Structure formats: C-alpha cells, structure tokens
Amino acid sequence: MNKMWWKFLCVAMMIYVFVGGLMMPVPSLDILNETIRNLYFHVPMWFTQLFLYTVGIVYSIKYLMQKPSANNSNPMKFDIYAKSAITAGTVFGCLGLATGMIWGKHTWGSYWSDDPKLNCTAIGMLIYFAYFILRGSMDDMDKRAKLAATYNIFCYVLFVVLIMVIPRLKEFSIHPGNGGNPAFAKYDLDSNMRMVFYPAVIGWILLGSWITSLLIRIENIKVKIGFGN
C-alpha cells in the first residue's frame, strides 16, 4: 500500500478535475465562452507529454552510459523505461492534438490553421513517430536499443526547439503564448480556474506516469517470455 498512494492521489485528482472542470464557474469571454474549460485537458496533456519525453531521454542517456556487466540481469531495463515513457508521451501528444483541434474548430472556425505553433507541433510528432518505425525495423535488441536511444536524444532536442523556440520567433501566431499573442494566464486564468488547472497538471502527469509503469510491466513480461521489446 505504501507504493500505491500516488495512484490513489491520481484517481482523486482526475475525479476532481473532471467534476470541477465541468461544474466550476469560468470567466465569460468573447469567442472562447465555455470552451475555456478545455484548458484543464488540452494544456496539461501537453505538459504530461513533455514530462514523459523528458523521462524518456533521461533513460536513453542512462542506457547509452551503462557499462556491460555480467551482474546486470536486465541490460535492456533502461531501454524499456525509455520506450515506455515515449509511448505514453506520444499518446498524450495525440490527445493534445485532438483536443486542440476540437478547440480550434470552436474558436478559430477550423480544425487546423496555418500557424507556426501547430505546424511545428505536427512536425515534432512525426519525428517521434519515426522513433517507433526505427525500432520496428531492427531485430537485434542491442543494436535497436542503442540506435533508438541515440535517435531519441535527437528527437527530444528538436522537439523542444520546434514547440518552444521557433513559434516564439514568429511575429504573429493565433495560438496563445506565441507570436505576440498573450498566454491564458495573462488575461483569463482567474482564481477559480487556477483551483482546477494546477491539480489538472499534477493529475494528468500522475496518470501518464501510471500508464508508463503499466507499459514497463508489459515490456518486462514480453522479455521474459521471449518476445523482446
């Protein structure tokens, strides 16, 4: 039970986020209206994705730095951790894209716009999709793990540049927080929304960590029965 407390916390926070996110009052704003509630889902999902990708690169580096040892019963451990974190992170990235597209339809009038933030995010996601294609193209576990870890470092650096640097260099962007467009926190994240938004960030990250832990268990089982990772 001592190792389960964070899972109970995750469940409690997610219940609070869904109930509070749908029931608690939000600012009355032009265009956004009730769609502002998507802030509790769309933005924390991206935070969770970046958190899990960060976990993934940490374990990729650990895998590349580990030294061969006869006492190492599971040399693929760090590779499994990295792959599982990246898998879960990519799922949250897809959910972030989906919720963003729905939000865009109701606020901008279309599911997708020719915006630097959106285009850079799509490119970043495609780069991570290539990570799984790369893994699937090799049978040798050790070579696959080394190449995947090296490629993951490239993925992470490029992804951060694409979603955090390039959009801010553009003169204009319709996406909040980029291209001179103020972020939500500057003009409409009031005290009521903060009561839900911050727990939402923690709750979604805990959920992403929980999913990652389940994926790790599945991968370990696959290794034990000879299906590899």
Protein backbone atom coordinates (compact mmCIF):
# COMPACT_ATOMS: atom_id res chain seq x y z
CA MET A 1 0.00 0.00 0.00
CA ASN A 2 2.93 2.36 0.62
CA LYS A 3 3.68 2.29 -3.12
CA MET A 4 0.05 2.85 -4.10
CA TRP A 5 -0.54 6.27 -2.53
CA TRP A 6 0.27 8.20 -5.70
CA LYS A 7 -2.20 6.11 -7.69
CA PHE A 8 -4.98 6.91 -5.24
CA LEU A 9 -3.92 10.55 -5.46
CA CYS A 10 -4.07 10.34 -9.24
CA VAL A 11 -7.62 8.93 -9.20
CA ALA A 12 -8.77 11.54 -6.70
CA MET A 13 -7.24 14.39 -8.69
CA MET A 14 -8.67 13.20 -12.01
CA ILE A 15 -12.16 12.92 -10.49
CA TYR A 16 -11.74 16.44 -9.11
CA VAL A 17 -10.51 17.74 -12.48
CA PHE A 18 -13.40 16.26 -14.45
CA VAL A 19 -16.06 17.31 -11.95
CA GLY A 20 -14.53 20.72 -11.23
CA GLY A 21 -13.64 21.29 -14.85
CA LEU A 22 -17.22 20.78 -15.95
CA MET A 23 -19.04 22.28 -12.99
CA MET A 24 -17.00 25.14 -11.53
CA PRO A 25 -17.53 28.66 -12.93
CA VAL A 26 -15.24 30.04 -15.64
CA PRO A 27 -14.74 33.58 -16.97
CA SER A 28 -17.24 34.81 -19.55
CA LEU A 29 -15.04 35.63 -22.53
CA ASP A 30 -15.79 36.51 -26.13
CA ILE A 31 -15.31 33.69 -28.64
CA LEU A 32 -13.98 31.21 -26.05
CA ASN A 33 -17.12 31.04 -23.90
CA GLU A 34 -17.45 27.59 -22.29
CA THR A 35 -14.67 26.13 -24.45
CA ILE A 36 -12.21 27.67 -21.99
CA ARG A 37 -12.83 24.53 -19.91
CA ASN A 38 -10.66 22.67 -22.41
CA LEU A 39 -7.73 24.38 -20.71
CA TYR A 40 -7.97 21.72 -17.99
CA PHE A 41 -7.40 18.98 -20.56
CA HIS A 42 -5.52 20.27 -23.60
CA VAL A 43 -2.69 22.12 -21.83
CA PRO A 44 -1.98 19.53 -19.07
CA MET A 45 -1.85 16.83 -21.72
CA TRP A 46 0.99 18.68 -23.42
CA PHE A 47 2.74 19.18 -20.09
CA THR A 48 2.42 15.44 -19.50
CA GLN A 49 3.80 14.66 -22.94
CA LEU A 50 6.85 16.85 -22.37
CA PHE A 51 7.34 15.37 -18.89
CA LEU A 52 7.27 11.81 -20.25
CA TYR A 53 9.56 12.69 -23.16
CA THR A 54 11.98 14.12 -20.60
CA VAL A 55 11.82 10.87 -18.64
CA GLY A 56 12.42 9.03 -21.90
CA ILE A 57 15.57 10.95 -22.78
CA VAL A 58 16.94 10.52 -19.26
CA TYR A 59 16.67 6.75 -19.56
CA SER A 60 18.01 6.77 -23.12
CA ILE A 61 21.11 8.54 -21.85
CA LYS A 62 21.36 6.10 -18.95
CA TYR A 63 21.19 3.19 -21.39
CA LEU A 64 23.98 4.61 -23.54
CA MET A 65 26.12 5.30 -20.47
CA GLN A 66 25.71 1.94 -18.76
CA LYS A 67 28.68 -0.38 -18.83
CA PRO A 68 28.39 -4.06 -19.74
CA SER A 69 28.28 -6.20 -16.65
CA ALA A 70 27.82 -9.89 -16.02
CA ASN A 71 25.78 -8.98 -12.93
CA ASN A 72 23.28 -6.99 -14.98
CA SER A 73 20.30 -9.35 -15.22
CA ASN A 74 18.30 -6.97 -17.42
CA PRO A 75 20.58 -4.90 -19.70
CA MET A 76 17.52 -3.68 -21.60
CA LYS A 77 15.96 -2.13 -18.48
CA PHE A 78 16.70 1.49 -19.35
CA ASP A 79 15.68 0.95 -22.96
CA ILE A 80 12.35 -0.44 -21.78
CA TYR A 81 11.85 2.54 -19.47
CA ALA A 82 12.65 4.98 -22.28
CA LYS A 83 10.41 3.27 -24.81
CA SER A 84 7.50 3.05 -22.37
CA ALA A 85 7.76 6.72 -21.41
CA ILE A 86 7.95 7.79 -25.05
CA THR A 87 4.98 5.58 -25.95
CA ALA A 88 2.83 7.09 -23.22
CA GLY A 89 4.07 10.58 -24.06
CA THR A 90 3.13 10.14 -27.71
CA VAL A 91 -0.37 9.01 -26.70
CA PHE A 92 -0.78 12.20 -24.68
CA GLY A 93 0.59 14.19 -27.59
CA CYS A 94 -2.09 12.73 -29.86
CA LEU A 95 -4.74 13.54 -27.26
CA GLY A 96 -3.34 17.06 -27.02
CA LEU A 97 -3.59 17.45 -30.78
CA ALA A 98 -7.15 16.10 -30.80
CA THR A 99 -8.36 18.38 -28.01
CA GLY A 100 -6.56 21.30 -29.63
CA MET A 101 -8.22 20.65 -32.99
CA ILE A 102 -11.65 20.50 -31.37
CA TRP A 103 -10.91 23.71 -29.50
CA GLY A 104 -9.67 25.34 -32.70
CA LYS A 105 -12.87 24.41 -34.54
CA HIS A 106 -14.99 26.21 -31.95
CA THR A 107 -12.76 29.27 -31.58
CA TRP A 108 -10.93 29.73 -34.89
CA GLY A 109 -13.54 28.18 -37.14
CA SER A 110 -11.37 25.30 -38.40
CA TYR A 111 -9.71 22.21 -37.01
CA TRP A 112 -6.30 23.26 -38.34
CA SER A 113 -4.79 26.59 -39.27
CA ASP A 114 -1.55 27.53 -40.99
CA ASP A 115 0.01 28.57 -37.70
CA PRO A 116 3.70 28.09 -36.76
CA LYS A 117 2.84 26.54 -33.39
CA LEU A 118 0.52 23.96 -34.90
CA ASN A 119 2.78 23.14 -37.84
CA CYS A 120 5.88 22.78 -35.65
CA THR A 121 3.97 20.54 -33.25
CA ALA A 122 2.86 18.30 -36.10
CA ILE A 123 6.44 18.02 -37.35
CA GLY A 124 7.62 17.18 -33.85
CA MET A 125 5.04 14.42 -33.53
CA LEU A 126 6.08 12.95 -36.89
CA ILE A 127 9.69 12.86 -35.72
CA TYR A 128 8.63 10.82 -32.69
CA PHE A 129 6.50 8.52 -34.85
CA ALA A 130 9.71 7.77 -36.75
CA TYR A 131 11.20 6.58 -33.44
CA PHE A 132 8.75 3.67 -33.39
CA ILE A 133 9.28 2.95 -37.07
CA LEU A 134 13.02 2.82 -36.42
CA ARG A 135 12.57 0.38 -33.56
CA GLY A 136 10.32 -1.83 -35.65
CA SER A 137 12.85 -2.02 -38.49
CA MET A 138 15.52 -3.86 -36.46
CA ASP A 139 15.54 -7.34 -34.93
CA ASP A 140 18.76 -7.20 -32.93
CA MET A 141 17.73 -5.96 -29.47
CA ASP A 142 21.06 -4.38 -28.53
CA LYS A 143 21.54 -2.53 -31.81
CA ARG A 144 17.91 -1.43 -31.77
CA ALA A 145 18.20 -0.11 -28.24
CA LYS A 146 21.42 1.82 -28.95
CA LEU A 147 20.13 3.33 -32.17
CA ALA A 148 16.77 4.18 -30.59
CA ALA A 149 18.45 5.84 -27.60
CA THR A 150 20.68 7.92 -29.87
CA TYR A 151 17.78 8.91 -32.07
CA ASN A 152 15.69 9.79 -29.02
CA ILE A 153 18.25 12.39 -27.95
CA PHE A 154 17.95 13.97 -31.40
CA CYS A 155 14.14 13.77 -31.16
CA TYR A 156 13.93 15.48 -27.81
CA VAL A 157 16.22 18.40 -28.66
CA LEU A 158 14.49 19.02 -31.96
CA PHE A 159 11.04 18.69 -30.38
CA VAL A 160 11.82 21.32 -27.74
CA VAL A 161 13.14 23.69 -30.43
CA LEU A 162 10.06 23.12 -32.58
CA ILE A 163 7.42 23.70 -29.91
CA MET A 164 9.14 26.22 -27.64
CA VAL A 165 11.62 28.22 -29.70
CA ILE A 166 10.54 28.54 -33.33
CA PRO A 167 6.89 29.58 -32.65
CA ARG A 168 8.10 32.39 -30.38
CA LEU A 169 10.38 33.73 -33.11
CA LYS A 170 7.45 34.35 -35.43
CA GLU A 171 5.90 37.82 -35.47
CA PHE A 172 2.34 36.54 -35.22
CA SER A 173 0.56 33.42 -34.06
CA ILE A 174 -3.08 32.80 -33.24
CA HIS A 175 -2.03 30.26 -30.62
CA PRO A 176 -1.96 31.73 -27.08
CA GLY A 177 1.52 32.38 -25.75
CA ASN A 178 3.22 32.63 -29.14
CA GLY A 179 3.98 35.30 -31.70
CA GLY A 180 2.90 38.21 -29.52
CA ASN A 181 -0.38 36.55 -28.57
CA PRO A 182 -0.65 36.54 -24.73
CA ALA A 183 -0.98 33.24 -22.91
CA PHE A 184 -4.13 32.35 -20.98
CA ALA A 185 -2.53 33.08 -17.62
CA LYS A 186 -2.16 36.73 -18.56
CA TYR A 187 -5.80 37.57 -19.10
CA ASP A 188 -8.27 34.85 -18.22
CA LEU A 189 -6.82 32.27 -15.83
CA ASP A 190 -8.69 33.53 -12.76
CA SER A 191 -8.64 32.15 -9.20
CA ASN A 192 -11.47 29.68 -9.89
CA MET A 193 -9.66 28.24 -12.89
CA ARG A 194 -6.36 28.00 -11.03
CA MET A 195 -8.08 25.79 -8.45
CA VAL A 196 -8.68 23.24 -11.19
CA PHE A 197 -5.83 23.91 -13.60
CA TYR A 198 -2.91 23.23 -11.25
CA PRO A 199 -4.39 19.98 -9.89
CA ALA A 200 -5.12 19.04 -13.52
CA VAL A 201 -1.44 19.37 -14.43
CA ILE A 202 -0.43 17.16 -11.49
CA GLY A 203 -3.25 14.69 -12.11
CA TRP A 204 -2.51 14.22 -15.81
CA ILE A 205 1.22 13.79 -15.13
CA LEU A 206 0.44 11.17 -12.49
CA LEU A 207 -1.85 9.41 -14.95
CA GLY A 208 0.88 9.46 -17.59
CA SER A 209 3.34 8.02 -15.06
CA TRP A 210 0.85 5.29 -14.17
CA ILE A 211 0.36 4.34 -17.81
CA THR A 212 4.13 4.30 -18.28
CA SER A 213 4.55 1.94 -15.32
CA LEU A 214 1.98 -0.42 -16.83
CA LEU A 215 3.77 -0.36 -20.18
CA ILE A 216 7.04 -1.17 -18.43
CA ARG A 217 5.45 -4.19 -16.78
CA ILE A 218 4.10 -5.38 -20.13
CA GLU A 219 7.51 -4.97 -21.78
CA ASN A 220 9.23 -6.87 -18.97
CA ILE A 221 6.75 -9.72 -19.37
CA LYS A 222 7.41 -9.79 -23.12
CA VAL A 223 11.16 -10.02 -22.50
CA LYS A 224 10.71 -12.90 -20.05
CA ILE A 225 8.63 -14.94 -22.47
CA GLY A 226 10.95 -14.20 -25.38
CA PHE A 227 9.03 -11.65 -27.42
CA GLY A 228 11.66 -8.94 -26.94
CA ASN A 229 10.82 -5.24 -26.62
